[in-house]
Amino acid sequence: MNIAFYAPMKSPNHPVPSGDRLMGRLLFAVLREIVGEANVSLASEFRSYSSQPDNMKLKENRSEAHEVADATFARWQQ
């Protein structure tokens, strides 16, 4: 079984400490422990979180998310 891990709020690799980053790191570590290190990968560093409601930012995020998803699926199909 292969697992692609994605944390939309903040990547486990993000440089700024936070509860979101810590939770991502812990979940990622547990999955690697259970499934095996070679079978768990970080799907993307893309951060879809927006601190304020903003329609323009939402549209930008949606567009970027589609690009990231397309690139990720293409990479997995290889």
PDB file of N, CA and C in Angstrom:
ATOM      1  N   MET A   1       0.849  -1.176   0.000  1.00  0.00           N
ATOM      2  CA  MET A   1       0.000   0.000   0.000  1.00  0.00           C
ATOM      3  C   MET A   1       0.894   1.238   0.000  1.00  0.00           C
ATOM      4  N   ASN A   2       0.560   2.190  -0.873  1.00  0.00           N
ATOM      5  CA  ASN A   2       1.250   3.479  -0.924  1.00  0.00           C
ATOM      6  C   ASN A   2       0.299   4.566  -0.449  1.00  0.00           C
ATOM      7  N   ILE A   3       0.824   5.476   0.345  1.00  0.00           N
ATOM      8  CA  ILE A   3       0.007   6.561   0.883  1.00  0.00           C
ATOM      9  C   ILE A   3       0.653   7.895   0.537  1.00  0.00           C
ATOM     10  N   ALA A   4      -0.159   8.797   0.011  1.00  0.00           N
ATOM     11  CA  ALA A   4       0.273  10.175  -0.248  1.00  0.00           C
ATOM     12  C   ALA A   4      -0.362  11.038   0.839  1.00  0.00           C
ATOM     13  N   PHE A   5       0.463  11.680   1.643  1.00  0.00           N
ATOM     14  CA  PHE A   5      -0.009  12.489   2.755  1.00  0.00           C
ATOM     15  C   PHE A   5      -0.062  13.950   2.335  1.00  0.00           C
ATOM     16  N   TYR A   6      -1.157  14.613   2.680  1.00  0.00           N
ATOM     17  CA  TYR A   6      -1.299  16.041   2.368  1.00  0.00           C
ATOM     18  C   TYR A   6      -1.910  16.763   3.560  1.00  0.00           C
ATOM     19  N   ALA A   7      -1.310  17.873   3.954  1.00  0.00           N
ATOM     20  CA  ALA A   7      -1.808  18.693   5.056  1.00  0.00           C
ATOM     21  C   ALA A   7      -2.146  20.075   4.496  1.00  0.00           C
ATOM     22  N   PRO A   8      -3.427  20.387   4.297  1.00  0.00           N
ATOM     23  CA  PRO A   8      -3.809  21.640   3.640  1.00  0.00           C
ATOM     24  C   PRO A   8      -3.518  22.905   4.451  1.00  0.00           C
ATOM     25  N   MET A   9      -3.481  22.800   5.759  1.00  0.00           N
ATOM     26  CA  MET A   9      -3.246  23.989   6.578  1.00  0.00           C
ATOM     27  C   MET A   9      -1.769  24.390   6.566  1.00  0.00           C
ATOM     28  N   LYS A  10      -0.905  23.408   6.791  1.00  0.00           N
ATOM     29  CA  LYS A  10       0.532  23.686   6.823  1.00  0.00           C
ATOM     30  C   LYS A  10       1.293  22.371   6.670  1.00  0.00           C
ATOM     31  N   SER A  11       2.251  22.368   5.770  1.00  0.00           N
ATOM     32  CA  SER A  11       3.065  21.186   5.532  1.00  0.00           C
ATOM     33  C   SER A  11       3.858  20.813   6.778  1.00  0.00           C
ATOM     34  N   PRO A  12       4.111  19.531   6.971  1.00  0.00           N
ATOM     35  CA  PRO A  12       4.975  19.114   8.070  1.00  0.00           C
ATOM     36  C   PRO A  12       6.391  19.695   7.944  1.00  0.00           C
ATOM     37  N   ASN A  13       6.758  20.139   6.754  1.00  0.00           N
ATOM     38  CA  ASN A  13       8.086  20.708   6.512  1.00  0.00           C
ATOM     39  C   ASN A  13       8.121  22.232   6.638  1.00  0.00           C
ATOM     40  N   HIS A  14       7.010  22.854   6.948  1.00  0.00           N
ATOM     41  CA  HIS A  14       6.952  24.320   7.019  1.00  0.00           C
ATOM     42  C   HIS A  14       7.941  24.829   8.068  1.00  0.00           C
ATOM     43  N   PRO A  15       8.635  25.954   7.779  1.00  0.00           N
ATOM     44  CA  PRO A  15       9.655  26.447   8.712  1.00  0.00           C
ATOM     45  C   PRO A  15       9.117  27.071  10.002  1.00  0.00           C
ATOM     46  N   VAL A  16       7.860  27.499  10.013  1.00  0.00           N
ATOM     47  CA  VAL A  16       7.303  28.170  11.195  1.00  0.00           C
ATOM     48  C   VAL A  16       6.589  27.145  12.084  1.00  0.00           C
ATOM     49  N   PRO A  17       7.027  27.000  13.336  1.00  0.00           N
ATOM     50  CA  PRO A  17       6.386  26.049  14.242  1.00  0.00           C
ATOM     51  C   PRO A  17       4.914  26.389  14.502  1.00  0.00           C
ATOM     52  N   SER A  18       4.095  25.361  14.618  1.00  0.00           N
ATOM     53  CA  SER A  18       2.681  25.551  14.945  1.00  0.00           C
ATOM     54  C   SER A  18       2.083  24.206  15.312  1.00  0.00           C
ATOM     55  N   GLY A  19       0.876  24.242  15.848  1.00  0.00           N
ATOM     56  CA  GLY A  19       0.160  23.009  16.151  1.00  0.00           C
ATOM     57  C   GLY A  19      -0.170  22.230  14.891  1.00  0.00           C
ATOM     58  N   ASP A  20      -0.497  22.939  13.793  1.00  0.00           N
ATOM     59  CA  ASP A  20      -0.797  22.266  12.520  1.00  0.00           C
ATOM     60  C   ASP A  20       0.425  21.509  12.012  1.00  0.00           C
ATOM     61  N   ARG A  21       1.589  22.165  12.085  1.00  0.00           N
ATOM     62  CA  ARG A  21       2.816  21.520  11.625  1.00  0.00           C
ATOM     63  C   ARG A  21       3.130  20.305  12.487  1.00  0.00           C
ATOM     64  N   LEU A  22       2.988  20.447  13.799  1.00  0.00           N
ATOM     65  CA  LEU A  22       3.269  19.338  14.706  1.00  0.00           C
ATOM     66  C   LEU A  22       2.337  18.159  14.434  1.00  0.00           C
ATOM     67  N   MET A  23       1.046  18.439  14.273  1.00  0.00           N
ATOM     68  CA  MET A  23       0.095  17.358  13.975  1.00  0.00           C
ATOM     69  C   MET A  23       0.444  16.674  12.659  1.00  0.00           C
ATOM     70  N   GLY A  24       0.798  17.462  11.651  1.00  0.00           N
ATOM     71  CA  GLY A  24       1.203  16.887  10.366  1.00  0.00           C
ATOM     72  C   GLY A  24       2.415  15.984  10.506  1.00  0.00           C
ATOM     73  N   ARG A  25       3.403  16.455  11.269  1.00  0.00           N
ATOM     74  CA  ARG A  25       4.613  15.653  11.482  1.00  0.00           C
ATOM     75  C   ARG A  25       4.305  14.357  12.222  1.00  0.00           C
ATOM     76  N   LEU A  26       3.456  14.450  13.239  1.00  0.00           N
ATOM     77  CA  LEU A  26       3.122  13.250  14.008  1.00  0.00           C
ATOM     78  C   LEU A  26       2.325  12.246  13.174  1.00  0.00           C
ATOM     79  N   LEU A  27       1.335  12.731  12.423  1.00  0.00           N
ATOM     80  CA  LEU A  27       0.550  11.828  11.569  1.00  0.00           C
ATOM     81  C   LEU A  27       1.423  11.178  10.497  1.00  0.00           C
ATOM     82  N   PHE A  28       2.296  11.986   9.899  1.00  0.00           N
ATOM     83  CA  PHE A  28       3.205  11.481   8.868  1.00  0.00           C
ATOM     84  C   PHE A  28       4.114  10.394   9.458  1.00  0.00           C
ATOM     85  N   ALA A  29       4.650  10.648  10.652  1.00  0.00           N
ATOM     86  CA  ALA A  29       5.536   9.681  11.311  1.00  0.00           C
ATOM     87  C   ALA A  29       4.811   8.382  11.649  1.00  0.00           C
ATOM     88  N   VAL A  30       3.578   8.493  12.139  1.00  0.00           N
ATOM     89  CA  VAL A  30       2.802   7.301  12.478  1.00  0.00           C
ATOM     90  C   VAL A  30       2.521   6.476  11.220  1.00  0.00           C
ATOM     91  N   LEU A  31       2.132   7.138  10.150  1.00  0.00           N
ATOM     92  CA  LEU A  31       1.883   6.411   8.898  1.00  0.00           C
ATOM     93  C   LEU A  31       3.138   5.694   8.416  1.00  0.00           C
ATOM     94  N   ARG A  32       4.279   6.367   8.491  1.00  0.00           N
ATOM     95  CA  ARG A  32       5.534   5.739   8.064  1.00  0.00           C
ATOM     96  C   ARG A  32       5.880   4.553   8.957  1.00  0.00           C
ATOM     97  N   GLU A  33       5.572   4.662  10.232  1.00  0.00           N
ATOM     98  CA  GLU A  33       5.833   3.565  11.176  1.00  0.00           C
ATOM     99  C   GLU A  33       4.957   2.355  10.847  1.00  0.00           C
ATOM    100  N   ILE A  34       3.688   2.606  10.553  1.00  0.00           N
ATOM    101  CA  ILE A  34       2.733   1.524  10.301  1.00  0.00           C
ATOM    102  C   ILE A  34       2.910   0.913   8.913  1.00  0.00           C
ATOM    103  N   VAL A  35       3.001   1.773   7.905  1.00  0.00           N
ATOM    104  CA  VAL A  35       2.991   1.311   6.511  1.00  0.00           C
ATOM    105  C   VAL A  35       4.397   1.035   5.980  1.00  0.00           C
ATOM    106  N   GLY A  36       5.350   1.758   6.469  1.00  0.00           N
ATOM    107  CA  GLY A  36       6.716   1.632   5.975  1.00  0.00           C
ATOM    108  C   GLY A  36       7.164   2.931   5.339  1.00  0.00           C
ATOM    109  N   GLU A  37       8.388   3.309   5.648  1.00  0.00           N
ATOM    110  CA  GLU A  37       8.901   4.605   5.208  1.00  0.00           C
ATOM    111  C   GLU A  37       8.855   4.779   3.693  1.00  0.00           C
ATOM    112  N   ALA A  38       9.150   3.713   2.959  1.00  0.00           N
ATOM    113  CA  ALA A  38       9.193   3.808   1.497  1.00  0.00           C
ATOM    114  C   ALA A  38       7.810   3.954   0.876  1.00  0.00           C
ATOM    115  N   ASN A  39       6.755   3.692   1.638  1.00  0.00           N
ATOM    116  CA  ASN A  39       5.407   3.696   1.081  1.00  0.00           C
ATOM    117  C   ASN A  39       4.574   4.910   1.470  1.00  0.00           C
ATOM    118  N   VAL A  40       5.167   5.870   2.171  1.00  0.00           N
ATOM    119  CA  VAL A  40       4.444   7.080   2.562  1.00  0.00           C
ATOM    120  C   VAL A  40       5.234   8.278   2.055  1.00  0.00           C
ATOM    121  N   SER A  41       4.557   9.139   1.308  1.00  0.00           N
ATOM    122  CA  SER A  41       5.241  10.313   0.776  1.00  0.00           C
ATOM    123  C   SER A  41       4.367  11.550   0.949  1.00  0.00           C
ATOM    124  N   LEU A  42       5.014  12.678   0.993  1.00  0.00           N
ATOM    125  CA  LEU A  42       4.297  13.945   1.079  1.00  0.00           C
ATOM    126  C   LEU A  42       3.807  14.290  -0.317  1.00  0.00           C
ATOM    127  N   ALA A  43       2.504  14.414  -0.472  1.00  0.00           N
ATOM    128  CA  ALA A  43       1.924  14.651  -1.791  1.00  0.00           C
ATOM    129  C   ALA A  43       2.250  16.036  -2.324  1.00  0.00           C
ATOM    130  N   SER A  44       2.255  17.034  -1.444  1.00  0.00           N
ATOM    131  CA  SER A  44       2.466  18.404  -1.900  1.00  0.00           C
ATOM    132  C   SER A  44       2.768  19.318  -0.718  1.00  0.00           C
ATOM    133  N   GLU A  45       3.496  20.381  -1.001  1.00  0.00           N
ATOM    134  CA  GLU A  45       3.756  21.432  -0.012  1.00  0.00           C
ATOM    135  C   GLU A  45       2.710  22.542  -0.123  1.00  0.00           C
ATOM    136  N   PHE A  46       1.802  22.436  -1.078  1.00  0.00           N
ATOM    137  CA  PHE A  46       0.796  23.471  -1.324  1.00  0.00           C
ATOM    138  C   PHE A  46      -0.015  23.747  -0.069  1.00  0.00           C
ATOM    139  N   ARG A  47      -0.164  25.016   0.260  1.00  0.00           N
ATOM    140  CA  ARG A  47      -0.922  25.434   1.439  1.00  0.00           C
ATOM    141  C   ARG A  47      -2.171  26.174   0.979  1.00  0.00           C
ATOM    142  N   SER A  48      -3.321  25.593   1.218  1.00  0.00           N
ATOM    143  CA  SER A  48      -4.569  26.196   0.752  1.00  0.00           C
ATOM    144  C   SER A  48      -5.204  27.107   1.799  1.00  0.00           C
ATOM    145  N   TYR A  49      -4.633  27.167   2.978  1.00  0.00           N
ATOM    146  CA  TYR A  49      -5.178  27.976   4.069  1.00  0.00           C
ATOM    147  C   TYR A  49      -5.132  29.465   3.757  1.00  0.00           C
ATOM    148  N   SER A  50      -6.195  30.160   4.110  1.00  0.00           N
ATOM    149  CA  SER A  50      -6.248  31.617   4.009  1.00  0.00           C
ATOM    150  C   SER A  50      -6.798  32.141   5.332  1.00  0.00           C
ATOM    151  N   SER A  51      -6.087  33.071   5.948  1.00  0.00           N
ATOM    152  CA  SER A  51      -6.476  33.542   7.275  1.00  0.00           C
ATOM    153  C   SER A  51      -7.714  34.442   7.245  1.00  0.00           C
ATOM    154  N   GLN A  52      -7.995  35.052   6.107  1.00  0.00           N
ATOM    155  CA  GLN A  52      -9.143  35.951   5.977  1.00  0.00           C
ATOM    156  C   GLN A  52      -9.991  35.538   4.772  1.00  0.00           C
ATOM    157  N   PRO A  53     -11.310  35.672   4.869  1.00  0.00           N
ATOM    158  CA  PRO A  53     -12.149  35.400   3.697  1.00  0.00           C
ATOM    159  C   PRO A  53     -11.827  36.400   2.588  1.00  0.00           C
ATOM    160  N   ASP A  54     -11.497  35.882   1.434  1.00  0.00           N
ATOM    161  CA  ASP A  54     -11.104  36.743   0.324  1.00  0.00           C
ATOM    162  C   ASP A  54     -11.397  35.998  -0.977  1.00  0.00           C
ATOM    163  N   ASN A  55     -12.380  36.485  -1.730  1.00  0.00           N
ATOM    164  CA  ASN A  55     -12.781  35.799  -2.963  1.00  0.00           C
ATOM    165  C   ASN A  55     -11.649  35.691  -3.973  1.00  0.00           C
ATOM    166  N   MET A  56     -10.833  36.733  -4.083  1.00  0.00           N
ATOM    167  CA  MET A  56      -9.720  36.690  -5.035  1.00  0.00           C
ATOM    168  C   MET A  56      -8.693  35.631  -4.611  1.00  0.00           C
ATOM    169  N   LYS A  57      -8.393  35.585  -3.325  1.00  0.00           N
ATOM    170  CA  LYS A  57      -7.449  34.582  -2.814  1.00  0.00           C
ATOM    171  C   LYS A  57      -8.020  33.180  -2.999  1.00  0.00           C
ATOM    172  N   LEU A  58      -9.321  33.022  -2.803  1.00  0.00           N
ATOM    173  CA  LEU A  58      -9.966  31.733  -3.006  1.00  0.00           C
ATOM    174  C   LEU A  58      -9.826  31.280  -4.458  1.00  0.00           C
ATOM    175  N   LYS A  59     -10.042  32.185  -5.396  1.00  0.00           N
ATOM    176  CA  LYS A  59      -9.895  31.853  -6.817  1.00  0.00           C
ATOM    177  C   LYS A  59      -8.453  31.479  -7.149  1.00  0.00           C
ATOM    178  N   GLU A  60      -7.501  32.227  -6.591  1.00  0.00           N
ATOM    179  CA  GLU A  60      -6.081  31.915  -6.813  1.00  0.00           C
ATOM    180  C   GLU A  60      -5.739  30.539  -6.239  1.00  0.00           C
ATOM    181  N   ASN A  61      -6.212  30.276  -5.012  1.00  0.00           N
ATOM    182  CA  ASN A  61      -5.961  28.980  -4.384  1.00  0.00           C
ATOM    183  C   ASN A  61      -6.562  27.846  -5.202  1.00  0.00           C
ATOM    184  N   ARG A  62      -7.778  28.048  -5.680  1.00  0.00           N
ATOM    185  CA  ARG A  62      -8.447  27.015  -6.470  1.00  0.00           C
ATOM    186  C   ARG A  62      -7.661  26.720  -7.752  1.00  0.00           C
ATOM    187  N   SER A  63      -7.216  27.762  -8.407  1.00  0.00           N
ATOM    188  CA  SER A  63      -6.441  27.593  -9.631  1.00  0.00           C
ATOM    189  C   SER A  63      -5.123  26.869  -9.354  1.00  0.00           C
ATOM    190  N   GLU A  64      -4.425  27.307  -8.318  1.00  0.00           N
ATOM    191  CA  GLU A  64      -3.154  26.665  -7.973  1.00  0.00           C
ATOM    192  C   GLU A  64      -3.373  25.222  -7.532  1.00  0.00           C
ATOM    193  N   ALA A  65      -4.444  24.964  -6.800  1.00  0.00           N
ATOM    194  CA  ALA A  65      -4.743  23.604  -6.352  1.00  0.00           C
ATOM    195  C   ALA A  65      -4.959  22.668  -7.543  1.00  0.00           C
ATOM    196  N   HIS A  66      -5.645  23.144  -8.559  1.00  0.00           N
ATOM    197  CA  HIS A  66      -5.848  22.319  -9.757  1.00  0.00           C
ATOM    198  C   HIS A  66      -4.516  22.022 -10.446  1.00  0.00           C
ATOM    199  N   GLU A  67      -3.638  23.006 -10.518  1.00  0.00           N
ATOM    200  CA  GLU A  67      -2.324  22.794 -11.126  1.00  0.00           C
ATOM    201  C   GLU A  67      -1.513  21.780 -10.334  1.00  0.00           C
ATOM    202  N   VAL A  68      -1.526  21.922  -9.017  1.00  0.00           N
ATOM    203  CA  VAL A  68      -0.785  21.005  -8.149  1.00  0.00           C
ATOM    204  C   VAL A  68      -1.357  19.593  -8.273  1.00  0.00           C
ATOM    205  N   ALA A  69      -2.669  19.468  -8.262  1.00  0.00           N
ATOM    206  CA  ALA A  69      -3.301  18.153  -8.379  1.00  0.00           C
ATOM    207  C   ALA A  69      -2.963  17.503  -9.714  1.00  0.00           C
ATOM    208  N   ASP A  70      -3.045  18.258 -10.798  1.00  0.00           N
ATOM    209  CA  ASP A  70      -2.716  17.709 -12.118  1.00  0.00           C
ATOM    210  C   ASP A  70      -1.266  17.226 -12.169  1.00  0.00           C
ATOM    211  N   ALA A  71      -0.350  18.037 -11.635  1.00  0.00           N
ATOM    212  CA  ALA A  71       1.065  17.655 -11.627  1.00  0.00           C
ATOM    213  C   ALA A  71       1.309  16.418 -10.761  1.00  0.00           C
ATOM    214  N   THR A  72       0.615  16.358  -9.630  1.00  0.00           N
ATOM    215  CA  THR A  72       0.772  15.214  -8.725  1.00  0.00           C
ATOM    216  C   THR A  72       0.241  13.941  -9.381  1.00  0.00           C
ATOM    217  N   PHE A  73      -0.928  13.994  -9.993  1.00  0.00           N
ATOM    218  CA  PHE A  73      -1.486  12.818 -10.659  1.00  0.00           C
ATOM    219  C   PHE A  73      -0.594  12.370 -11.814  1.00  0.00           C
ATOM    220  N   ALA A  74      -0.064  13.312 -12.557  1.00  0.00           N
ATOM    221  CA  ALA A  74       0.831  12.964 -13.666  1.00  0.00           C
ATOM    222  C   ALA A  74       2.089  12.256 -13.138  1.00  0.00           C
ATOM    223  N   ARG A  75       2.620  12.748 -12.021  1.00  0.00           N
ATOM    224  CA  ARG A  75       3.806  12.141 -11.430  1.00  0.00           C
ATOM    225  C   ARG A  75       3.492  10.717 -10.942  1.00  0.00           C
ATOM    226  N   TRP A  76       2.314  10.505 -10.366  1.00  0.00           N
ATOM    227  CA  TRP A  76       1.955   9.172  -9.869  1.00  0.00           C
ATOM    228  C   TRP A  76       1.729   8.180 -11.005  1.00  0.00           C
ATOM    229  N   GLN A  77       1.280   8.673 -12.151  1.00  0.00           N
ATOM    230  CA  GLN A  77       1.005   7.761 -13.269  1.00  0.00           C
ATOM    231  C   GLN A  77       2.269   7.243 -13.936  1.00  0.00           C
ATOM    232  N   GLN A  78       3.383   7.891 -13.691  1.00  0.00           N
ATOM    233  CA  GLN A  78       4.653   7.444 -14.314  1.00  0.00           C
ATOM    234  C   GLN A  78       5.178   6.183 -13.691  1.00  0.00           C
TER     235      GLN A  78
END
